[in-house]
Protein backbone atom coordinates (compact mmCIF):
# COMPACT_ATOMS: atom_id res chain seq x y z
CA MET A 1 -27.29 68.24 14.00
CA ILE A 2 -24.46 66.04 12.76
CA ARG A 3 -25.16 67.21 9.23
CA PHE A 4 -24.79 70.86 10.29
CA LEU A 5 -21.51 70.11 12.09
CA VAL A 6 -20.09 68.24 9.10
CA GLY A 7 -21.26 71.07 6.85
CA THR A 8 -19.56 73.61 9.11
CA VAL A 9 -16.28 71.68 8.92
CA ILE A 10 -16.59 71.44 5.13
CA ASN A 11 -17.29 75.18 4.93
CA ALA A 12 -14.34 75.94 7.20
CA VAL A 13 -11.96 73.86 5.09
CA ALA A 14 -13.38 75.45 1.92
CA LEU A 15 -12.81 78.91 3.40
CA TRP A 16 -9.26 77.95 4.36
CA LEU A 17 -8.61 76.72 0.83
CA THR A 18 -10.11 79.92 -0.58
CA THR A 19 -7.86 82.10 1.56
CA LEU A 20 -4.85 80.15 0.27
CA ILE A 21 -5.83 80.37 -3.40
CA ILE A 22 -7.26 83.89 -3.68
CA PRO A 23 -4.95 86.68 -2.50
CA ALA A 24 -7.71 89.21 -1.82
CA ILE A 25 -9.62 87.07 0.69
CA HIS A 26 -8.20 87.01 4.20
CA LEU A 27 -9.19 85.48 7.49
CA ALA A 28 -7.47 86.81 10.59
CA ALA A 29 -7.56 84.73 13.74
CA TYR A 30 -9.90 85.99 16.43
CA GLY A 31 -7.46 86.52 19.29
CA THR A 32 -3.95 85.14 19.24
CA ASP A 33 -2.45 83.66 16.10
CA ASP A 34 -1.89 80.07 17.16
CA PHE A 35 -3.35 77.00 15.45
CA TRP A 36 -6.43 76.52 17.66
CA THR A 37 -7.67 80.11 17.53
CA ARG A 38 -7.10 80.14 13.78
CA ALA A 39 -9.04 76.86 13.39
CA GLY A 40 -11.75 78.21 15.70
CA SER A 41 -12.01 81.36 13.60
CA PHE A 42 -12.41 79.30 10.44
CA LEU A 43 -15.07 77.16 12.15
CA LEU A 44 -16.91 80.27 13.37
CA VAL A 45 -16.99 81.84 9.92
CA GLY A 46 -17.89 78.43 8.46
CA ALA A 47 -20.87 78.23 10.81
CA ILE A 48 -21.94 81.76 9.82
CA PHE A 49 -21.59 80.75 6.17
CA GLY A 50 -23.71 77.65 6.78
CA LEU A 51 -26.45 79.65 8.50
CA VAL A 52 -26.51 82.24 5.72
CA SER A 53 -26.64 79.47 3.12
CA ALA A 54 -29.49 77.75 4.95
CA ILE A 55 -31.63 80.78 5.83
CA VAL A 56 -30.91 83.73 3.53
CA ALA A 57 -29.88 82.01 0.28
CA PRO A 58 -33.16 80.17 -0.43
CA VAL A 59 -35.17 83.37 0.03
CA ILE A 60 -32.92 85.34 -2.31
CA LYS A 61 -32.90 82.54 -4.89
CA VAL A 62 -36.71 82.40 -4.93
CA LEU A 63 -36.96 86.18 -5.29
CA ALA A 64 -34.34 86.17 -8.06
CA PHE A 65 -35.98 83.35 -10.02
CA PRO A 66 -36.86 85.59 -13.00
CA LEU A 67 -33.21 86.65 -13.20
CA TYR A 68 -32.17 82.99 -13.21
CA ILE A 69 -34.38 82.45 -16.25
CA LEU A 70 -33.18 85.60 -18.05
CA THR A 71 -29.49 84.87 -17.49
CA PHE A 72 -29.71 81.07 -17.87
CA GLY A 73 -28.55 80.65 -14.27
CA LEU A 74 -25.43 82.80 -14.51
CA ILE A 75 -26.84 85.23 -11.94
CA SER A 76 -26.13 82.51 -9.35
CA PHE A 77 -22.43 83.48 -9.45
CA VAL A 78 -23.29 87.06 -8.52
CA ILE A 79 -25.77 85.99 -5.85
CA ASN A 80 -23.27 83.59 -4.26
CA GLY A 81 -20.60 86.31 -4.33
CA ALA A 82 -22.99 88.74 -2.66
CA LEU A 83 -23.78 86.13 -0.01
CA LEU A 84 -20.04 85.71 0.63
CA LEU A 85 -19.77 89.49 1.07
CA PHE A 86 -22.70 89.27 3.49
CA VAL A 87 -20.83 86.61 5.48
CA ALA A 88 -17.77 88.91 5.55
CA TRP A 89 -19.95 91.74 6.86
CA LEU A 90 -21.56 89.52 9.52
CA SER A 91 -18.19 88.22 10.67
CA GLN A 92 -16.95 91.80 11.07
CA LEU A 93 -19.83 92.47 13.47
CA ILE A 94 -18.37 89.92 15.91
CA GLY A 95 -15.37 92.07 16.67
CA SER A 96 -12.26 92.74 14.70
CA PRO A 97 -12.44 92.10 10.96
CA ILE A 98 -12.00 88.34 11.03
CA PHE A 99 -13.02 87.53 7.46
CA SER A 100 -12.34 90.24 4.91
CA ILE A 101 -12.39 90.70 1.18
CA GLU A 102 -10.25 93.45 -0.33
CA GLY A 103 -12.29 96.46 -1.37
CA PHE A 104 -15.12 95.66 1.05
CA THR A 105 -15.14 98.06 3.98
CA ASN A 106 -17.69 99.41 6.41
CA GLU A 107 -17.96 102.53 4.26
CA GLY A 108 -19.00 100.77 1.11
CA LEU A 109 -18.35 98.26 -1.59
CA ASN A 110 -15.97 98.37 -4.55
CA ILE A 111 -16.65 96.58 -7.78
CA GLU A 112 -13.39 94.64 -7.44
CA SER A 113 -14.48 93.25 -4.09
CA LEU A 114 -17.56 91.72 -5.73
CA GLY A 115 -15.28 90.14 -8.34
CA TRP A 116 -13.07 88.62 -5.66
CA ALA A 117 -16.17 87.44 -3.80
CA ILE A 118 -17.55 85.79 -6.94
CA LEU A 119 -14.22 84.04 -7.51
CA GLY A 120 -14.15 82.97 -3.86
CA SER A 121 -17.67 81.63 -4.03
CA ILE A 122 -16.74 79.55 -7.08
CA VAL A 123 -13.78 78.00 -5.21
CA ILE A 124 -15.95 77.32 -2.15
CA SER A 125 -18.71 75.80 -4.28
CA VAL A 126 -16.38 73.47 -6.17
CA PHE A 127 -14.63 72.26 -3.02
CA SER A 128 -17.92 71.85 -1.13
CA PHE A 129 -19.45 69.89 -4.01
CA PHE A 130 -16.61 67.35 -4.04
CA ALA A 131 -16.35 67.16 -0.24
CA ARG A 132 -20.09 66.59 0.19
CA ALA A 133 -20.03 63.95 -2.56
CA ILE A 134 -17.23 62.10 -0.76
CA PHE A 135 -19.08 62.32 2.56
CA LYS A 136 -22.28 61.00 0.93
CA VAL A 137 -20.41 58.07 -0.59
CA LEU A 138 -18.96 57.30 2.84
CA ARG A 139 -22.49 57.72 4.28
CA LEU A 140 -21.38 60.28 6.86
CA ILE A 141 -24.07 62.79 5.88
């Protein structure tokens, strides 16, 4: 349980960093726009991201194993970007569009939104890698 909570915080901080770096990825606060609702929105989307990464991602990666071999693992960027778009879609089901990627709407998907999602997933992966490494060295997870 502690590991999931620490992972959710790491995901939330990674999402916050991604929204600062990439101009096409936005996260609107769920409710008012003060610090706590904004932090709560990041934690909520971080928890959704953690659940998708724990449940959906392994299934997709097993099914896409032949593509991993054919592309020497480069398909993982596209799969992670698609999973980030899936998180954006799931977070929009909660209410107002909390987490959004430009070009991704309820009507469909643009090619540029997949590009932004791939770039966002790279930023999230790099930050999460270093944050988890630091937490493992400190023996917190």
